[in-house]
Every structure is written in C-alpha cells, then in structure tokens.
Amino acid sequence: MVFVPYLEALRITIEHSNRYRYTRPVELTKHRLMLRPAESHGLKILSSSLDVSGVPQISWEHDIFDNSVAHLNFTAKTDELTITSRYELEQFNLNPFDFVMEIYTNDLPFAYQGEDAVDLQPFMQPQYPADEDAVREWLRPFLDAEGRGKTLDFLLATNSAIAEQFGYGRREEAGTQSPAETLRLGTGTCRDFALFLIEIARHMGLAARYVSGYLCSSAEDESAPEIADNSTHAWTEIYLPGAGWKGFDPTSGILAAGYHVRVAATRNPDQATPIRGSYLGDGSLFAGMEVAIKAVAHPPSDSPAS
C-alpha cells in the first residue's frame, strides 16, 4: 500500500471593499471586475462571495487570458456604490523553487522551441521598444561582455536589484511609468516595477506577463513580505519551459509564492485593472472613494488539507 502525505497549505482570507460616493444619484455604466483569485493546482478557493449595492445584474466570463471576470449591469440610479468581495483560500504553492527548467533554457539568450515559439509571441513584444537602449544599459552589470548569462541567476539578480536600487512609493493615479521614466526617477509603484521587469525579460527574448493580485500579510510569520498594505499588488510572470509561468516580485525582490495570490495575468498592465467602470455626468458629481483590503495568511495547519 502506498501512502500519500498530506500537503501543507496556507489558509488565506481576503476581503476587498470599494466604496464610491456621488453628490446626487447618477446612472452607472457597465462595470468590469477582476477580483476573483485564479484557482490552480496550487490554489484552492474554499468559499467566495461578491456583494454589490443596488443589486445589479451580474454575469461572468473568462477573458482571452482565461481570467475570471464579472460584469455588472445597473438598472437604477444611485448616490453610492459599494463592491465587496470575500474569499477563503488554501495556498499550496509554498516553495517558489519547486521546478526544473528544460536544459536548453539554462543560458541566455535562448529561443523558445516548437509551438511555444508561436504561442508566446504576444508576450515577447516590448511595450516600450524606444526604451530598449536605456534598459540594456541598466542590464550590463548582470551579463557578460557578450550579453550572455545564466537564465535563472540573471532573473533572480535583476529581480532583487530592482527592489534594492529603486524607492517604493504608492501612487493613486492610474497607469504605469515607462521603463525609462522609472530609471530616471529612481522610484515607482509595484505596477511600475512589474512593467520594468516585463520589459527587461522581453528585451532578452523571454515571454513575460503582468500579474495583478494580493500580497498577504501575517502577524505570525516573520518571513512574510513587509510591503503588504491596503492595496492590490502587482508582479511579473516569466515563461520558463519545464517550469511554466514563474512569478517574480521586483518590489520585494523575491519569487512569488505563498503570500502572493494571483487574480489576473495579462499581456500589459492596462488589461488587469481590478475594477473598471464609470457613471454618466461630469467630474463634479464624484464625491470620493474609499478602499479597504485585508489579505491575511495563516501558517500551515497540522490538520490534513481538504
């Protein structure tokens, strides 16, 4: 008889609430939500709920990247909109180095083989091709004189260097900085650093995508990242044959696992906006918004995983 040991798992709770206020009742346009964590062999959703004021019509779809998207259609005017999602999760992806790459990918640069070379093309095109010279100049210390290096060593080093060399600061405005602007300013948000690493990977011939999700905190585990705060988080996934899409968090300088909960993975940052929608009327009708996010990871339990 063969006994299979139980997998340890982090138990994660996430509550995300957005409240929008208006000076008088307004007509809301269709809203698009990307808030539901992406289930996989490493992440299991135990329970979930989505509560929206005004009881709109809600429909669900998987977008072109297979992200779970909710569409809200409102039938009545309102002076306040509240969207609250709650999730209970089990996270089994605790070891970010639990993978083996194909031998041909050990050294940079390398070319993807077979159908990978076709399917990954959209994720290999730089979003800011004009910034290539600036990006490559920053990369010089991480490569030899011929522009070569060990793939995993290079990715780990650049991921760590972004966290060490650039200052982190929250920015409420939407959008991302270009790589050249991040280099010039020396500061950025998690989404700016994620985009910067994406462009680094793409200029080196690697497929990369943008990830939006949650970075959990833990009062009981000193190894938990220190940058978890009252906001969503962003990081980068790079496709490594044999390993698949591997997450790199350049804001904290670590690989994404355990405390990272992926919600959306897209080709470019603008495609991963957690909540997208508006109202009919001019800007003076908007009275403000409040965001509250609580994402907490609890240490692995001694009890068997369900």
C-alpha atoms as a PDB file:
ATOM      1  CA  MET A   1       0.000   0.000   0.000  1.00  0.00           C
ATOM      2  CA  VAL A   2       1.243   3.470  -0.914  1.00  0.00           C
ATOM      3  CA  PHE A   3       0.629   6.365   1.479  1.00  0.00           C
ATOM      4  CA  VAL A   4       0.487   9.891   0.068  1.00  0.00           C
ATOM      5  CA  PRO A   5       1.451  12.563   2.632  1.00  0.00           C
ATOM      6  CA  TYR A   6      -0.904  15.500   3.140  1.00  0.00           C
ATOM      7  CA  LEU A   7       0.242  18.738   1.598  1.00  0.00           C
ATOM      8  CA  GLU A   8       0.754  21.676   3.885  1.00  0.00           C
ATOM      9  CA  ALA A   9      -1.158  24.779   2.941  1.00  0.00           C
ATOM     10  CA  LEU A  10      -1.519  28.371   3.989  1.00  0.00           C
ATOM     11  CA  ARG A  11      -5.084  29.310   4.838  1.00  0.00           C
ATOM     12  CA  ILE A  12      -5.728  32.762   3.343  1.00  0.00           C
ATOM     13  CA  THR A  13      -8.604  35.166   3.897  1.00  0.00           C
ATOM     14  CA  ILE A  14      -9.158  38.138   1.599  1.00  0.00           C
ATOM     15  CA  GLU A  15     -11.737  40.900   1.910  1.00  0.00           C
ATOM     16  CA  HIS A  16     -11.700  43.715  -0.633  1.00  0.00           C
ATOM     17  CA  SER A  17     -14.178  46.585  -0.458  1.00  0.00           C
ATOM     18  CA  ASN A  18     -14.516  49.662  -2.693  1.00  0.00           C
ATOM     19  CA  ARG A  19     -16.989  52.446  -1.887  1.00  0.00           C
ATOM     20  CA  TYR A  20     -17.745  55.204  -4.421  1.00  0.00           C
ATOM     21  CA  ARG A  21     -19.774  58.283  -3.425  1.00  0.00           C
ATOM     22  CA  TYR A  22     -21.596  60.819  -5.630  1.00  0.00           C
ATOM     23  CA  THR A  23     -23.160  64.190  -4.839  1.00  0.00           C
ATOM     24  CA  ARG A  24     -26.512  63.050  -6.260  1.00  0.00           C
ATOM     25  CA  PRO A  25     -27.917  59.860  -7.803  1.00  0.00           C
ATOM     26  CA  VAL A  26     -26.108  59.011 -11.051  1.00  0.00           C
ATOM     27  CA  GLU A  27     -26.548  56.450 -13.798  1.00  0.00           C
ATOM     28  CA  LEU A  28     -23.729  53.901 -13.634  1.00  0.00           C
ATOM     29  CA  THR A  29     -22.229  52.399 -16.768  1.00  0.00           C
ATOM     30  CA  LYS A  30     -21.381  48.719 -17.072  1.00  0.00           C
ATOM     31  CA  HIS A  31     -18.638  47.752 -14.600  1.00  0.00           C
ATOM     32  CA  ARG A  32     -15.985  45.091 -15.137  1.00  0.00           C
ATOM     33  CA  LEU A  33     -14.457  43.347 -12.122  1.00  0.00           C
ATOM     34  CA  MET A  34     -11.276  41.269 -11.932  1.00  0.00           C
ATOM     35  CA  LEU A  35     -11.269  40.315  -8.248  1.00  0.00           C
ATOM     36  CA  ARG A  36     -11.635  36.525  -8.142  1.00  0.00           C
ATOM     37  CA  PRO A  37      -8.376  34.651  -7.417  1.00  0.00           C
ATOM     38  CA  ALA A  38      -7.166  32.275 -10.106  1.00  0.00           C
ATOM     39  CA  GLU A  39      -7.659  28.685  -8.994  1.00  0.00           C
ATOM     40  CA  SER A  40      -4.995  26.139  -9.942  1.00  0.00           C
ATOM     41  CA  HIS A  41      -3.275  23.012  -8.640  1.00  0.00           C
ATOM     42  CA  GLY A  42      -1.542  25.403  -6.212  1.00  0.00           C
ATOM     43  CA  LEU A  43      -4.532  27.460  -5.061  1.00  0.00           C
ATOM     44  CA  LYS A  44      -7.980  26.312  -3.978  1.00  0.00           C
ATOM     45  CA  ILE A  45     -10.979  28.556  -3.297  1.00  0.00           C
ATOM     46  CA  LEU A  46     -12.873  27.258  -0.256  1.00  0.00           C
ATOM     47  CA  SER A  47     -15.597  29.911  -0.237  1.00  0.00           C
ATOM     48  CA  SER A  48     -16.374  33.149  -2.056  1.00  0.00           C
ATOM     49  CA  SER A  49     -18.905  35.959  -2.163  1.00  0.00           C
ATOM     50  CA  LEU A  50     -19.454  39.133  -4.153  1.00  0.00           C
ATOM     51  CA  ASP A  51     -21.780  41.769  -2.709  1.00  0.00           C
ATOM     52  CA  VAL A  52     -22.705  44.864  -4.738  1.00  0.00           C
ATOM     53  CA  SER A  53     -25.045  47.621  -3.602  1.00  0.00           C
ATOM     54  CA  GLY A  54     -28.085  48.249  -5.769  1.00  0.00           C
ATOM     55  CA  VAL A  55     -28.357  44.553  -6.716  1.00  0.00           C
ATOM     56  CA  PRO A  56     -27.164  44.833 -10.329  1.00  0.00           C
ATOM     57  CA  GLN A  57     -27.371  42.080 -12.903  1.00  0.00           C
ATOM     58  CA  ILE A  58     -24.129  40.073 -12.623  1.00  0.00           C
ATOM     59  CA  SER A  59     -22.690  37.876 -15.351  1.00  0.00           C
ATOM     60  CA  TRP A  60     -19.369  36.046 -15.509  1.00  0.00           C
ATOM     61  CA  GLU A  61     -16.897  35.226 -18.252  1.00  0.00           C
ATOM     62  CA  HIS A  62     -13.345  34.046 -18.791  1.00  0.00           C
ATOM     63  CA  ASP A  63     -11.458  36.634 -20.831  1.00  0.00           C
ATOM     64  CA  ILE A  64      -8.938  35.938 -23.603  1.00  0.00           C
ATOM     65  CA  PHE A  65      -6.273  35.240 -20.959  1.00  0.00           C
ATOM     66  CA  ASP A  66      -8.645  32.898 -19.020  1.00  0.00           C
ATOM     67  CA  ASN A  67      -9.037  35.356 -16.141  1.00  0.00           C
ATOM     68  CA  SER A  68     -12.373  35.274 -14.294  1.00  0.00           C
ATOM     69  CA  VAL A  69     -14.291  38.497 -14.985  1.00  0.00           C
ATOM     70  CA  ALA A  70     -17.602  39.710 -13.524  1.00  0.00           C
ATOM     71  CA  HIS A  71     -19.787  42.191 -15.441  1.00  0.00           C
ATOM     72  CA  LEU A  72     -22.215  44.427 -13.545  1.00  0.00           C
ATOM     73  CA  ASN A  73     -25.219  45.991 -15.274  1.00  0.00           C
ATOM     74  CA  PHE A  74     -27.069  48.580 -13.182  1.00  0.00           C
ATOM     75  CA  THR A  75     -30.771  49.319 -13.619  1.00  0.00           C
ATOM     76  CA  ALA A  76     -31.264  52.188 -11.153  1.00  0.00           C
ATOM     77  CA  LYS A  77     -29.509  55.427 -10.276  1.00  0.00           C
ATOM     78  CA  THR A  78     -27.615  55.682  -7.009  1.00  0.00           C
ATOM     79  CA  ASP A  79     -25.529  58.122  -4.984  1.00  0.00           C
ATOM     80  CA  GLU A  80     -23.284  55.368  -3.629  1.00  0.00           C
ATOM     81  CA  LEU A  81     -21.740  52.177  -4.991  1.00  0.00           C
ATOM     82  CA  THR A  82     -20.153  49.558  -2.748  1.00  0.00           C
ATOM     83  CA  ILE A  83     -18.412  46.457  -4.099  1.00  0.00           C
ATOM     84  CA  THR A  84     -17.179  43.872  -1.598  1.00  0.00           C
ATOM     85  CA  SER A  85     -15.580  40.520  -2.372  1.00  0.00           C
ATOM     86  CA  ARG A  86     -14.604  37.900   0.196  1.00  0.00           C
ATOM     87  CA  TYR A  87     -12.538  34.752  -0.301  1.00  0.00           C
ATOM     88  CA  GLU A  88     -11.269  31.881   1.806  1.00  0.00           C
ATOM     89  CA  LEU A  89      -8.359  30.107   0.133  1.00  0.00           C
ATOM     90  CA  GLU A  90      -5.848  27.322   0.552  1.00  0.00           C
ATOM     91  CA  GLN A  91      -2.417  28.092  -0.897  1.00  0.00           C
ATOM     92  CA  PHE A  92      -0.239  25.045  -1.639  1.00  0.00           C
ATOM     93  CA  ASN A  93       2.404  26.878  -3.684  1.00  0.00           C
ATOM     94  CA  LEU A  94       4.780  27.446  -0.776  1.00  0.00           C
ATOM     95  CA  ASN A  95       8.152  26.666  -2.387  1.00  0.00           C
ATOM     96  CA  PRO A  96       8.904  29.044  -5.293  1.00  0.00           C
ATOM     97  CA  PHE A  97      11.937  26.958  -6.334  1.00  0.00           C
ATOM     98  CA  ASP A  98       9.973  23.747  -6.818  1.00  0.00           C
ATOM     99  CA  PHE A  99      10.576  23.498 -10.568  1.00  0.00           C
ATOM    100  CA  VAL A 100      13.026  22.149 -13.149  1.00  0.00           C
ATOM    101  CA  MET A 101      13.745  24.073 -16.351  1.00  0.00           C
ATOM    102  CA  GLU A 102      14.430  22.487 -19.716  1.00  0.00           C
ATOM    103  CA  ILE A 103      18.183  22.175 -20.250  1.00  0.00           C
ATOM    104  CA  TYR A 104      18.198  24.358 -23.344  1.00  0.00           C
ATOM    105  CA  THR A 105      16.905  27.296 -21.329  1.00  0.00           C
ATOM    106  CA  ASN A 106      19.754  27.366 -18.797  1.00  0.00           C
ATOM    107  CA  ASP A 107      21.694  30.066 -20.658  1.00  0.00           C
ATOM    108  CA  LEU A 108      20.599  33.419 -22.054  1.00  0.00           C
ATOM    109  CA  PRO A 109      19.766  34.210 -24.719  1.00  0.00           C
ATOM    110  CA  PHE A 110      17.808  31.179 -25.877  1.00  0.00           C
ATOM    111  CA  ALA A 111      14.988  30.697 -28.389  1.00  0.00           C
ATOM    112  CA  TYR A 112      11.686  29.057 -27.464  1.00  0.00           C
ATOM    113  CA  GLN A 113      11.096  25.817 -29.348  1.00  0.00           C
ATOM    114  CA  GLY A 114       8.166  24.269 -31.188  1.00  0.00           C
ATOM    115  CA  GLU A 115       4.679  25.622 -30.588  1.00  0.00           C
ATOM    116  CA  ASP A 116       5.909  27.667 -27.618  1.00  0.00           C
ATOM    117  CA  ALA A 117       7.683  29.948 -30.064  1.00  0.00           C
ATOM    118  CA  VAL A 118       4.346  30.702 -31.772  1.00  0.00           C
ATOM    119  CA  ASP A 119       2.048  30.860 -28.765  1.00  0.00           C
ATOM    120  CA  LEU A 120       4.312  33.126 -26.718  1.00  0.00           C
ATOM    121  CA  GLN A 121       4.864  35.807 -29.371  1.00  0.00           C
ATOM    122  CA  PRO A 122       2.359  38.339 -27.938  1.00  0.00           C
ATOM    123  CA  PHE A 123       4.155  38.164 -24.573  1.00  0.00           C
ATOM    124  CA  MET A 124       7.571  38.758 -26.137  1.00  0.00           C
ATOM    125  CA  GLN A 125       6.852  42.118 -27.777  1.00  0.00           C
ATOM    126  CA  PRO A 126       8.141  45.063 -25.686  1.00  0.00           C
ATOM    127  CA  GLN A 127       5.509  47.646 -24.836  1.00  0.00           C
ATOM    128  CA  TYR A 128       8.144  50.391 -24.912  1.00  0.00           C
ATOM    129  CA  PRO A 129      10.594  49.492 -27.718  1.00  0.00           C
ATOM    130  CA  ALA A 130      12.047  53.019 -27.675  1.00  0.00           C
ATOM    131  CA  ASP A 131      13.349  52.367 -24.132  1.00  0.00           C
ATOM    132  CA  GLU A 132      15.485  49.389 -25.182  1.00  0.00           C
ATOM    133  CA  ASP A 133      18.824  51.252 -25.031  1.00  0.00           C
ATOM    134  CA  ALA A 134      18.104  52.542 -21.515  1.00  0.00           C
ATOM    135  CA  VAL A 135      17.005  49.101 -20.335  1.00  0.00           C
ATOM    136  CA  ARG A 136      20.022  47.335 -21.849  1.00  0.00           C
ATOM    137  CA  GLU A 137      22.408  49.874 -20.314  1.00  0.00           C
ATOM    138  CA  TRP A 138      20.953  49.122 -16.871  1.00  0.00           C
ATOM    139  CA  LEU A 139      21.348  45.380 -17.559  1.00  0.00           C
ATOM    140  CA  ARG A 140      25.067  45.496 -18.419  1.00  0.00           C
ATOM    141  CA  PRO A 141      26.319  44.512 -14.922  1.00  0.00           C
ATOM    142  CA  PHE A 142      24.144  41.380 -14.977  1.00  0.00           C
ATOM    143  CA  LEU A 143      25.565  39.953 -18.228  1.00  0.00           C
ATOM    144  CA  ASP A 144      28.994  39.095 -19.564  1.00  0.00           C
ATOM    145  CA  ALA A 145      30.785  41.097 -22.248  1.00  0.00           C
ATOM    146  CA  GLU A 146      28.868  39.233 -24.961  1.00  0.00           C
ATOM    147  CA  GLY A 147      25.474  39.884 -23.381  1.00  0.00           C
ATOM    148  CA  ARG A 148      25.065  36.342 -22.065  1.00  0.00           C
ATOM    149  CA  GLY A 149      24.266  34.907 -18.670  1.00  0.00           C
ATOM    150  CA  LYS A 150      22.714  32.052 -16.714  1.00  0.00           C
ATOM    151  CA  THR A 151      18.947  32.407 -17.085  1.00  0.00           C
ATOM    152  CA  LEU A 152      17.809  31.841 -13.510  1.00  0.00           C
ATOM    153  CA  ASP A 153      20.782  33.701 -11.996  1.00  0.00           C
ATOM    154  CA  PHE A 154      20.031  36.653 -14.263  1.00  0.00           C
ATOM    155  CA  LEU A 155      16.343  36.756 -13.347  1.00  0.00           C
ATOM    156  CA  LEU A 156      16.973  36.423  -9.634  1.00  0.00           C
ATOM    157  CA  ALA A 157      19.657  39.124  -9.727  1.00  0.00           C
ATOM    158  CA  THR A 158      17.616  41.665 -11.701  1.00  0.00           C
ATOM    159  CA  ASN A 159      14.508  40.962  -9.612  1.00  0.00           C
ATOM    160  CA  SER A 160      16.493  41.646  -6.420  1.00  0.00           C
ATOM    161  CA  ALA A 161      18.302  44.662  -7.862  1.00  0.00           C
ATOM    162  CA  ILE A 162      15.057  46.472  -8.680  1.00  0.00           C
ATOM    163  CA  ALA A 163      13.960  46.121  -5.048  1.00  0.00           C
ATOM    164  CA  GLU A 164      17.362  47.298  -3.809  1.00  0.00           C
ATOM    165  CA  GLN A 165      18.067  50.151  -6.218  1.00  0.00           C
ATOM    166  CA  PHE A 166      14.660  51.805  -6.581  1.00  0.00           C
ATOM    167  CA  GLY A 167      12.496  53.521  -3.994  1.00  0.00           C
ATOM    168  CA  TYR A 168       8.960  52.264  -3.483  1.00  0.00           C
ATOM    169  CA  GLY A 169       6.134  54.766  -3.204  1.00  0.00           C
ATOM    170  CA  ARG A 170       2.370  54.435  -3.593  1.00  0.00           C
ATOM    171  CA  ARG A 171       0.734  56.465  -6.361  1.00  0.00           C
ATOM    172  CA  GLU A 172      -3.038  56.803  -6.515  1.00  0.00           C
ATOM    173  CA  GLU A 173      -3.128  57.862 -10.178  1.00  0.00           C
ATOM    174  CA  ALA A 174      -3.907  55.133 -12.692  1.00  0.00           C
ATOM    175  CA  GLY A 175      -1.381  53.957 -15.248  1.00  0.00           C
ATOM    176  CA  THR A 176       2.255  52.904 -15.213  1.00  0.00           C
ATOM    177  CA  GLN A 177       5.563  54.629 -15.778  1.00  0.00           C
ATOM    178  CA  SER A 178       7.650  53.692 -18.782  1.00  0.00           C
ATOM    179  CA  PRO A 179      10.925  51.859 -18.010  1.00  0.00           C
ATOM    180  CA  ALA A 180      12.904  54.970 -18.977  1.00  0.00           C
ATOM    181  CA  GLU A 181      10.862  57.083 -16.567  1.00  0.00           C
ATOM    182  CA  THR A 182      11.356  54.593 -13.741  1.00  0.00           C
ATOM    183  CA  LEU A 183      15.106  54.654 -14.404  1.00  0.00           C
ATOM    184  CA  ARG A 184      15.129  58.455 -14.446  1.00  0.00           C
ATOM    185  CA  LEU A 185      13.070  58.888 -11.276  1.00  0.00           C
ATOM    186  CA  GLY A 186      14.563  56.017  -9.321  1.00  0.00           C
ATOM    187  CA  THR A 187      11.176  55.392  -7.706  1.00  0.00           C
ATOM    188  CA  GLY A 188       7.930  53.698  -8.600  1.00  0.00           C
ATOM    189  CA  THR A 189       4.978  51.600  -7.526  1.00  0.00           C
ATOM    190  CA  CYS A 190       4.652  47.834  -7.650  1.00  0.00           C
ATOM    191  CA  ARG A 191       2.988  48.097 -11.058  1.00  0.00           C
ATOM    192  CA  ASP A 192       5.874  50.246 -12.400  1.00  0.00           C
ATOM    193  CA  PHE A 193       8.436  47.694 -11.206  1.00  0.00           C
ATOM    194  CA  ALA A 194       6.395  44.808 -12.624  1.00  0.00           C
ATOM    195  CA  LEU A 195       6.319  46.534 -16.007  1.00  0.00           C
ATOM    196  CA  PHE A 196      10.049  47.281 -15.798  1.00  0.00           C
ATOM    197  CA  LEU A 197      10.844  43.588 -15.226  1.00  0.00           C
ATOM    198  CA  ILE A 198       8.486  42.614 -18.048  1.00  0.00           C
ATOM    199  CA  GLU A 199      10.382  44.866 -20.432  1.00  0.00           C
ATOM    200  CA  ILE A 200      13.726  43.511 -19.188  1.00  0.00           C
ATOM    201  CA  ALA A 201      12.577  39.960 -19.888  1.00  0.00           C
ATOM    202  CA  ARG A 202      11.141  40.811 -23.304  1.00  0.00           C
ATOM    203  CA  HIS A 203      14.286  42.652 -24.421  1.00  0.00           C
ATOM    204  CA  MET A 204      16.183  39.461 -23.508  1.00  0.00           C
ATOM    205  CA  GLY A 205      13.876  37.352 -25.683  1.00  0.00           C
ATOM    206  CA  LEU A 206      11.761  35.979 -22.838  1.00  0.00           C
ATOM    207  CA  ALA A 207       7.968  35.858 -22.664  1.00  0.00           C
ATOM    208  CA  ALA A 208       6.594  37.857 -19.738  1.00  0.00           C
ATOM    209  CA  ARG A 209       3.190  38.912 -18.483  1.00  0.00           C
ATOM    210  CA  TYR A 210       1.726  41.287 -15.910  1.00  0.00           C
ATOM    211  CA  VAL A 211       0.051  39.909 -12.796  1.00  0.00           C
ATOM    212  CA  SER A 212      -2.405  41.690 -10.525  1.00  0.00           C
ATOM    213  CA  GLY A 213      -3.410  40.197  -7.204  1.00  0.00           C
ATOM    214  CA  TYR A 214      -2.908  40.348  -3.466  1.00  0.00           C
ATOM    215  CA  LEU A 215       0.171  40.215  -1.255  1.00  0.00           C
ATOM    216  CA  CYS A 216      -0.871  38.828   2.099  1.00  0.00           C
ATOM    217  CA  SER A 217       0.400  39.843   5.497  1.00  0.00           C
ATOM    218  CA  SER A 218       0.913  37.599   8.505  1.00  0.00           C
ATOM    219  CA  ALA A 219       1.275  38.596  12.134  1.00  0.00           C
ATOM    220  CA  GLU A 220       2.572  35.123  12.975  1.00  0.00           C
ATOM    221  CA  ASP A 221       5.249  34.623  10.305  1.00  0.00           C
ATOM    222  CA  GLU A 222       8.342  36.841  10.248  1.00  0.00           C
ATOM    223  CA  SER A 223       9.153  35.690   6.695  1.00  0.00           C
ATOM    224  CA  ALA A 224       6.046  37.385   5.301  1.00  0.00           C
ATOM    225  CA  PRO A 225       6.834  40.290   2.925  1.00  0.00           C
ATOM    226  CA  GLU A 226       6.854  43.679   4.600  1.00  0.00           C
ATOM    227  CA  ILE A 227       5.260  45.681   1.775  1.00  0.00           C
ATOM    228  CA  ALA A 228       1.772  44.209   2.036  1.00  0.00           C
ATOM    229  CA  ASP A 229      -0.607  47.117   2.529  1.00  0.00           C
ATOM    230  CA  ASN A 230      -4.166  48.261   1.946  1.00  0.00           C
ATOM    231  CA  SER A 231      -4.000  47.876  -1.836  1.00  0.00           C
ATOM    232  CA  THR A 232      -3.779  45.318  -4.592  1.00  0.00           C
ATOM    233  CA  HIS A 233      -0.314  44.194  -5.656  1.00  0.00           C
ATOM    234  CA  ALA A 234       1.418  43.617  -8.996  1.00  0.00           C
ATOM    235  CA  TRP A 235       4.293  41.408 -10.080  1.00  0.00           C
ATOM    236  CA  THR A 236       5.706  39.672 -13.164  1.00  0.00           C
ATOM    237  CA  GLU A 237       5.457  36.156 -14.533  1.00  0.00           C
ATOM    238  CA  ILE A 238       8.085  34.860 -16.959  1.00  0.00           C
ATOM    239  CA  TYR A 239       7.652  31.711 -19.019  1.00  0.00           C
ATOM    240  CA  LEU A 240      10.433  29.171 -18.458  1.00  0.00           C
ATOM    241  CA  PRO A 241       9.950  25.901 -20.388  1.00  0.00           C
ATOM    242  CA  GLY A 242       9.792  22.991 -17.972  1.00  0.00           C
ATOM    243  CA  ALA A 243       8.734  25.298 -15.146  1.00  0.00           C
ATOM    244  CA  GLY A 244       5.905  27.215 -16.823  1.00  0.00           C
ATOM    245  CA  TRP A 245       4.912  30.737 -15.798  1.00  0.00           C
ATOM    246  CA  LYS A 246       7.045  31.644 -12.771  1.00  0.00           C
ATOM    247  CA  GLY A 247       6.294  34.687 -10.643  1.00  0.00           C
ATOM    248  CA  PHE A 248       8.915  37.310  -9.777  1.00  0.00           C
ATOM    249  CA  ASP A 249       8.082  40.184  -7.437  1.00  0.00           C
ATOM    250  CA  PRO A 250      10.550  43.024  -8.137  1.00  0.00           C
ATOM    251  CA  THR A 251       9.020  45.258  -5.456  1.00  0.00           C
ATOM    252  CA  SER A 252      10.075  42.891  -2.686  1.00  0.00           C
ATOM    253  CA  GLY A 253      12.896  41.167  -4.603  1.00  0.00           C
ATOM    254  CA  ILE A 254      11.522  37.655  -4.089  1.00  0.00           C
ATOM    255  CA  LEU A 255       9.797  34.979  -6.127  1.00  0.00           C
ATOM    256  CA  ALA A 256       6.004  34.968  -5.958  1.00  0.00           C
ATOM    257  CA  ALA A 257       4.631  32.130  -3.862  1.00  0.00           C
ATOM    258  CA  GLY A 258       2.864  31.531  -0.585  1.00  0.00           C
ATOM    259  CA  TYR A 259       1.788  35.053   0.306  1.00  0.00           C
ATOM    260  CA  HIS A 260       1.103  36.039  -3.319  1.00  0.00           C
ATOM    261  CA  VAL A 261      -2.418  35.393  -4.633  1.00  0.00           C
ATOM    262  CA  ARG A 262      -2.797  35.859  -8.379  1.00  0.00           C
ATOM    263  CA  VAL A 263      -6.064  37.306  -9.644  1.00  0.00           C
ATOM    264  CA  ALA A 264      -5.321  38.324 -13.237  1.00  0.00           C
ATOM    265  CA  ALA A 265      -2.474  37.690 -15.674  1.00  0.00           C
ATOM    266  CA  THR A 266      -2.420  39.818 -18.825  1.00  0.00           C
ATOM    267  CA  ARG A 267      -0.124  40.899 -21.638  1.00  0.00           C
ATOM    268  CA  ASN A 268       0.037  44.515 -20.441  1.00  0.00           C
ATOM    269  CA  PRO A 269      -0.876  46.332 -17.189  1.00  0.00           C
ATOM    270  CA  ASP A 270      -3.927  48.217 -18.518  1.00  0.00           C
ATOM    271  CA  GLN A 271      -5.677  44.895 -19.158  1.00  0.00           C
ATOM    272  CA  ALA A 272      -5.576  43.907 -15.474  1.00  0.00           C
ATOM    273  CA  THR A 273      -7.488  46.783 -13.849  1.00  0.00           C
ATOM    274  CA  PRO A 274      -9.332  45.264 -10.835  1.00  0.00           C
ATOM    275  CA  ILE A 275     -12.445  47.464 -11.185  1.00  0.00           C
ATOM    276  CA  ARG A 276     -13.349  49.314 -14.354  1.00  0.00           C
ATOM    277  CA  GLY A 277     -16.492  51.399 -14.786  1.00  0.00           C
ATOM    278  CA  SER A 278     -17.866  54.917 -14.666  1.00  0.00           C
ATOM    279  CA  TYR A 279     -21.041  56.993 -14.477  1.00  0.00           C
ATOM    280  CA  LEU A 280     -22.876  59.423 -16.749  1.00  0.00           C
ATOM    281  CA  GLY A 281     -22.182  63.039 -15.844  1.00  0.00           C
ATOM    282  CA  ASP A 282     -19.301  65.422 -15.238  1.00  0.00           C
ATOM    283  CA  GLY A 283     -16.482  65.040 -12.711  1.00  0.00           C
ATOM    284  CA  SER A 284     -18.099  67.372 -10.164  1.00  0.00           C
ATOM    285  CA  LEU A 285     -20.596  64.607  -9.287  1.00  0.00           C
ATOM    286  CA  PHE A 286     -17.872  62.392  -7.841  1.00  0.00           C
ATOM    287  CA  ALA A 287     -17.619  62.895  -4.073  1.00  0.00           C
ATOM    288  CA  GLY A 288     -14.816  60.440  -3.306  1.00  0.00           C
ATOM    289  CA  MET A 289     -13.951  56.798  -2.746  1.00  0.00           C
ATOM    290  CA  GLU A 290     -12.632  54.533  -0.011  1.00  0.00           C
ATOM    291  CA  VAL A 291     -10.778  51.249  -0.454  1.00  0.00           C
ATOM    292  CA  ALA A 292     -10.309  48.644   2.271  1.00  0.00           C
ATOM    293  CA  ILE A 293      -8.332  45.455   1.657  1.00  0.00           C
ATOM    294  CA  LYS A 294      -7.487  42.814   4.218  1.00  0.00           C
ATOM    295  CA  ALA A 295      -5.438  39.871   2.984  1.00  0.00           C
ATOM    296  CA  VAL A 296      -4.100  37.622   5.724  1.00  0.00           C
ATOM    297  CA  ALA A 297      -2.228  34.317   5.501  1.00  0.00           C
ATOM    298  CA  HIS A 298      -2.330  31.878   8.377  1.00  0.00           C
ATOM    299  CA  PRO A 299       0.550  29.405   8.907  1.00  0.00           C
ATOM    300  CA  PRO A 300       0.150  25.811   7.666  1.00  0.00           C
ATOM    301  CA  SER A 301      -2.175  23.811   9.877  1.00  0.00           C
ATOM    302  CA  ASP A 302      -1.331  20.482  11.482  1.00  0.00           C
ATOM    303  CA  SER A 303      -4.659  19.186  10.260  1.00  0.00           C
ATOM    304  CA  PRO A 304      -4.957  17.436   6.857  1.00  0.00           C
ATOM    305  CA  ALA A 305      -5.650  19.653   3.827  1.00  0.00           C
ATOM    306  CA  SER A 306      -9.151  19.226   2.490  1.00  0.00           C
END
